[in-house]
Amino acid sequence: MPSSGETREHSALGAVRALARASRLLERSSGELNLAHYRVLSAIASGDERASRVARRLALGRPAISAAVDALTRRGLVVRGGVDADHRATALSLTPEGERLLAATEGEMIARITALVARTPDPERVLEALSWLDTAIDEVMAERMAETK
């Protein structure tokens, strides 16, 4: 009989593999956006209007966030603007087309994840647990940012 540590490790491995596979399913439902661009658009829509904050929230370096923002700007999904208090900072916002595409993409992703968790013994609990992960990720990122200051 496996020990509780072995059982937990086996469950954790199953969770890792499931999340990796689920991310692929979500990417397939993201249509015109890859997951990296989706993450940038959703971070901007959530209120992270400065490029530096988006980079920190997503744990991306400046070159990666710049490349993503450049691509999204070329597609007409994001616009850059200045920040009144800091002339070096760049404020980002979604264009109406960016808002439309983000809403459509999230609608598809919600449908996909809802259909997926409907196949579990307790769909509501699975969705709740996944939302807890979102909060936990925010906490980890805040701790990392505090450590680098």
C-alpha atoms as a PDB file:
ATOM      1  CA  MET A   1       0.000   0.000   0.000  1.00  0.00           C
ATOM      2  CA  PRO A   2       1.471   3.397  -0.970  1.00  0.00           C
ATOM      3  CA  SER A   3       2.281   5.896   1.760  1.00  0.00           C
ATOM      4  CA  SER A   4       0.376   9.172   1.975  1.00  0.00           C
ATOM      5  CA  GLY A   5       3.457  10.940   0.583  1.00  0.00           C
ATOM      6  CA  GLU A   6       3.546   8.623  -2.417  1.00  0.00           C
ATOM      7  CA  THR A   7      -0.200   9.066  -2.947  1.00  0.00           C
ATOM      8  CA  ARG A   8       0.162  12.854  -2.771  1.00  0.00           C
ATOM      9  CA  GLU A   9       3.084  12.795  -5.215  1.00  0.00           C
ATOM     10  CA  HIS A  10       1.107  10.580  -7.601  1.00  0.00           C
ATOM     11  CA  SER A  11      -1.870  12.978  -7.362  1.00  0.00           C
ATOM     12  CA  ALA A  12       0.416  15.967  -7.918  1.00  0.00           C
ATOM     13  CA  LEU A  13       1.913  14.306 -10.985  1.00  0.00           C
ATOM     14  CA  GLY A  14      -1.583  13.639 -12.295  1.00  0.00           C
ATOM     15  CA  ALA A  15      -2.483  17.289 -11.694  1.00  0.00           C
ATOM     16  CA  VAL A  16       0.622  18.518 -13.531  1.00  0.00           C
ATOM     17  CA  ARG A  17      -0.118  16.312 -16.501  1.00  0.00           C
ATOM     18  CA  ALA A  18      -3.801  17.273 -16.518  1.00  0.00           C
ATOM     19  CA  LEU A  19      -3.010  21.002 -16.396  1.00  0.00           C
ATOM     20  CA  ALA A  20      -0.500  20.644 -19.233  1.00  0.00           C
ATOM     21  CA  ARG A  21      -3.075  18.805 -21.333  1.00  0.00           C
ATOM     22  CA  ALA A  22      -5.837  21.254 -20.373  1.00  0.00           C
ATOM     23  CA  SER A  23      -3.664  24.180 -21.464  1.00  0.00           C
ATOM     24  CA  ARG A  24      -3.428  22.564 -24.898  1.00  0.00           C
ATOM     25  CA  LEU A  25      -7.210  22.186 -25.043  1.00  0.00           C
ATOM     26  CA  LEU A  26      -7.613  25.838 -24.081  1.00  0.00           C
ATOM     27  CA  GLU A  27      -5.081  26.893 -26.686  1.00  0.00           C
ATOM     28  CA  ARG A  28      -7.047  25.034 -29.350  1.00  0.00           C
ATOM     29  CA  SER A  29     -10.163  26.950 -28.325  1.00  0.00           C
ATOM     30  CA  SER A  30      -8.377  30.300 -28.369  1.00  0.00           C
ATOM     31  CA  GLY A  31      -8.889  30.710 -32.107  1.00  0.00           C
ATOM     32  CA  GLU A  32      -6.957  33.707 -33.389  1.00  0.00           C
ATOM     33  CA  LEU A  33      -4.852  34.090 -30.227  1.00  0.00           C
ATOM     34  CA  ASN A  34      -2.029  31.986 -28.914  1.00  0.00           C
ATOM     35  CA  LEU A  35      -1.949  31.547 -25.139  1.00  0.00           C
ATOM     36  CA  ALA A  36       0.902  34.030 -24.689  1.00  0.00           C
ATOM     37  CA  HIS A  37      -1.077  36.778 -26.417  1.00  0.00           C
ATOM     38  CA  TYR A  38      -4.217  35.760 -24.553  1.00  0.00           C
ATOM     39  CA  ARG A  39      -2.379  36.153 -21.232  1.00  0.00           C
ATOM     40  CA  VAL A  40      -1.178  39.634 -22.202  1.00  0.00           C
ATOM     41  CA  LEU A  41      -4.644  40.761 -23.319  1.00  0.00           C
ATOM     42  CA  SER A  42      -6.284  39.378 -20.184  1.00  0.00           C
ATOM     43  CA  ALA A  43      -3.680  41.041 -17.937  1.00  0.00           C
ATOM     44  CA  ILE A  44      -4.314  44.402 -19.623  1.00  0.00           C
ATOM     45  CA  ALA A  45      -8.082  43.903 -19.357  1.00  0.00           C
ATOM     46  CA  SER A  46      -7.657  43.096 -15.653  1.00  0.00           C
ATOM     47  CA  GLY A  47      -6.162  46.515 -15.035  1.00  0.00           C
ATOM     48  CA  ASP A  48      -2.428  45.999 -15.519  1.00  0.00           C
ATOM     49  CA  GLU A  49      -2.090  48.879 -17.919  1.00  0.00           C
ATOM     50  CA  ARG A  50       1.664  49.401 -17.649  1.00  0.00           C
ATOM     51  CA  ALA A  51       3.876  47.138 -19.717  1.00  0.00           C
ATOM     52  CA  SER A  52       6.209  46.648 -16.740  1.00  0.00           C
ATOM     53  CA  ARG A  53       3.321  45.432 -14.563  1.00  0.00           C
ATOM     54  CA  VAL A  54       2.094  43.056 -17.259  1.00  0.00           C
ATOM     55  CA  ALA A  55       5.619  41.649 -17.526  1.00  0.00           C
ATOM     56  CA  ARG A  56       5.856  41.131 -13.750  1.00  0.00           C
ATOM     57  CA  ARG A  57       2.383  39.622 -13.471  1.00  0.00           C
ATOM     58  CA  LEU A  58       3.128  37.146 -16.233  1.00  0.00           C
ATOM     59  CA  ALA A  59       6.761  36.560 -15.153  1.00  0.00           C
ATOM     60  CA  LEU A  60       8.020  37.683 -18.552  1.00  0.00           C
ATOM     61  CA  GLY A  61      11.145  39.634 -19.365  1.00  0.00           C
ATOM     62  CA  ARG A  62      11.006  42.986 -21.087  1.00  0.00           C
ATOM     63  CA  PRO A  63      11.959  41.594 -24.506  1.00  0.00           C
ATOM     64  CA  ALA A  64       9.139  39.020 -24.358  1.00  0.00           C
ATOM     65  CA  ILE A  65       6.491  41.518 -23.277  1.00  0.00           C
ATOM     66  CA  SER A  66       7.705  44.036 -25.873  1.00  0.00           C
ATOM     67  CA  ALA A  67       7.466  41.446 -28.638  1.00  0.00           C
ATOM     68  CA  ALA A  68       3.966  40.417 -27.560  1.00  0.00           C
ATOM     69  CA  VAL A  69       2.769  44.019 -27.260  1.00  0.00           C
ATOM     70  CA  ASP A  70       4.308  44.864 -30.655  1.00  0.00           C
ATOM     71  CA  ALA A  71       2.468  41.945 -32.268  1.00  0.00           C
ATOM     72  CA  LEU A  72      -0.831  42.812 -30.555  1.00  0.00           C
ATOM     73  CA  THR A  73      -0.440  46.477 -31.524  1.00  0.00           C
ATOM     74  CA  ARG A  74       0.213  45.561 -35.176  1.00  0.00           C
ATOM     75  CA  ARG A  75      -2.978  43.481 -35.115  1.00  0.00           C
ATOM     76  CA  GLY A  76      -4.949  46.456 -33.796  1.00  0.00           C
ATOM     77  CA  LEU A  77      -5.780  44.768 -30.484  1.00  0.00           C
ATOM     78  CA  VAL A  78      -3.725  46.976 -28.146  1.00  0.00           C
ATOM     79  CA  VAL A  79      -2.762  50.638 -28.149  1.00  0.00           C
ATOM     80  CA  ARG A  80       0.135  52.231 -26.341  1.00  0.00           C
ATOM     81  CA  GLY A  81      -0.082  55.537 -24.560  1.00  0.00           C
ATOM     82  CA  GLY A  82       1.913  57.618 -22.146  1.00  0.00           C
ATOM     83  CA  VAL A  83       1.570  57.677 -18.381  1.00  0.00           C
ATOM     84  CA  ASP A  84       1.050  61.200 -17.063  1.00  0.00           C
ATOM     85  CA  ALA A  85       3.200  60.799 -13.952  1.00  0.00           C
ATOM     86  CA  ASP A  86       6.033  58.907 -15.676  1.00  0.00           C
ATOM     87  CA  HIS A  87       7.066  59.819 -19.210  1.00  0.00           C
ATOM     88  CA  ARG A  88       9.233  56.693 -19.488  1.00  0.00           C
ATOM     89  CA  ALA A  89       6.337  54.312 -18.737  1.00  0.00           C
ATOM     90  CA  THR A  90       3.963  52.974 -21.356  1.00  0.00           C
ATOM     91  CA  ALA A  91       0.258  52.555 -20.676  1.00  0.00           C
ATOM     92  CA  LEU A  92      -1.479  49.774 -22.551  1.00  0.00           C
ATOM     93  CA  SER A  93      -5.156  49.450 -23.328  1.00  0.00           C
ATOM     94  CA  LEU A  94      -7.310  47.200 -25.438  1.00  0.00           C
ATOM     95  CA  THR A  95      -8.880  48.529 -28.588  1.00  0.00           C
ATOM     96  CA  PRO A  96     -12.557  47.727 -29.208  1.00  0.00           C
ATOM     97  CA  GLU A  97     -11.356  44.909 -31.495  1.00  0.00           C
ATOM     98  CA  GLY A  98      -9.056  43.663 -28.716  1.00  0.00           C
ATOM     99  CA  GLU A  99     -11.976  43.672 -26.271  1.00  0.00           C
ATOM    100  CA  ARG A 100     -14.152  41.810 -28.775  1.00  0.00           C
ATOM    101  CA  LEU A 101     -11.531  39.175 -29.514  1.00  0.00           C
ATOM    102  CA  LEU A 102     -10.733  38.698 -25.821  1.00  0.00           C
ATOM    103  CA  ALA A 103     -14.432  38.262 -24.975  1.00  0.00           C
ATOM    104  CA  ALA A 104     -14.931  35.782 -27.829  1.00  0.00           C
ATOM    105  CA  THR A 105     -11.810  33.840 -26.878  1.00  0.00           C
ATOM    106  CA  GLU A 106     -12.794  33.685 -23.221  1.00  0.00           C
ATOM    107  CA  GLY A 107     -16.288  32.568 -24.193  1.00  0.00           C
ATOM    108  CA  GLU A 108     -14.808  29.663 -26.160  1.00  0.00           C
ATOM    109  CA  MET A 109     -12.405  28.810 -23.338  1.00  0.00           C
ATOM    110  CA  ILE A 110     -15.200  28.887 -20.763  1.00  0.00           C
ATOM    111  CA  ALA A 111     -17.273  26.557 -22.918  1.00  0.00           C
ATOM    112  CA  ARG A 112     -14.321  24.191 -23.302  1.00  0.00           C
ATOM    113  CA  ILE A 113     -13.409  24.110 -19.596  1.00  0.00           C
ATOM    114  CA  THR A 114     -17.066  23.799 -18.563  1.00  0.00           C
ATOM    115  CA  ALA A 115     -17.542  20.825 -20.871  1.00  0.00           C
ATOM    116  CA  LEU A 116     -14.335  19.274 -19.578  1.00  0.00           C
ATOM    117  CA  VAL A 117     -15.135  19.614 -15.869  1.00  0.00           C
ATOM    118  CA  ALA A 118     -18.678  18.355 -16.511  1.00  0.00           C
ATOM    119  CA  ARG A 119     -17.012  14.961 -16.970  1.00  0.00           C
ATOM    120  CA  THR A 120     -15.653  15.008 -13.397  1.00  0.00           C
ATOM    121  CA  PRO A 121     -17.496  13.727 -10.315  1.00  0.00           C
ATOM    122  CA  ASP A 122     -17.898  17.274  -8.914  1.00  0.00           C
ATOM    123  CA  PRO A 123     -17.700  19.951 -11.636  1.00  0.00           C
ATOM    124  CA  GLU A 124     -18.397  22.901  -9.330  1.00  0.00           C
ATOM    125  CA  ARG A 125     -15.673  21.839  -6.922  1.00  0.00           C
ATOM    126  CA  VAL A 126     -13.164  21.414  -9.747  1.00  0.00           C
ATOM    127  CA  LEU A 127     -13.913  24.924 -11.056  1.00  0.00           C
ATOM    128  CA  GLU A 128     -13.622  26.316  -7.533  1.00  0.00           C
ATOM    129  CA  ALA A 129     -10.271  24.562  -7.003  1.00  0.00           C
ATOM    130  CA  LEU A 130      -8.961  25.906 -10.311  1.00  0.00           C
ATOM    131  CA  SER A 131      -9.951  29.435  -9.291  1.00  0.00           C
ATOM    132  CA  TRP A 132      -8.015  28.894  -6.051  1.00  0.00           C
ATOM    133  CA  LEU A 133      -4.959  28.226  -8.205  1.00  0.00           C
ATOM    134  CA  ASP A 134      -5.385  31.658  -9.781  1.00  0.00           C
ATOM    135  CA  THR A 135      -5.290  33.278  -6.340  1.00  0.00           C
ATOM    136  CA  ALA A 136      -2.300  31.158  -5.307  1.00  0.00           C
ATOM    137  CA  ILE A 137      -0.405  32.184  -8.460  1.00  0.00           C
ATOM    138  CA  ASP A 138      -1.061  35.855  -7.679  1.00  0.00           C
ATOM    139  CA  GLU A 139       0.313  35.321  -4.166  1.00  0.00           C
ATOM    140  CA  VAL A 140       3.460  33.581  -5.436  1.00  0.00           C
ATOM    141  CA  MET A 141       4.068  36.342  -7.980  1.00  0.00           C
ATOM    142  CA  ALA A 142       3.602  39.041  -5.312  1.00  0.00           C
ATOM    143  CA  GLU A 143       6.121  37.268  -3.070  1.00  0.00           C
ATOM    144  CA  ARG A 144       8.634  37.026  -5.917  1.00  0.00           C
ATOM    145  CA  MET A 145       8.215  40.712  -6.707  1.00  0.00           C
ATOM    146  CA  ALA A 146       8.724  41.586  -3.030  1.00  0.00           C
ATOM    147  CA  GLU A 147      11.921  39.486  -2.929  1.00  0.00           C
ATOM    148  CA  THR A 148      13.410  41.286  -5.929  1.00  0.00           C
ATOM    149  CA  LYS A 149      12.909  44.752  -4.465  1.00  0.00           C
END
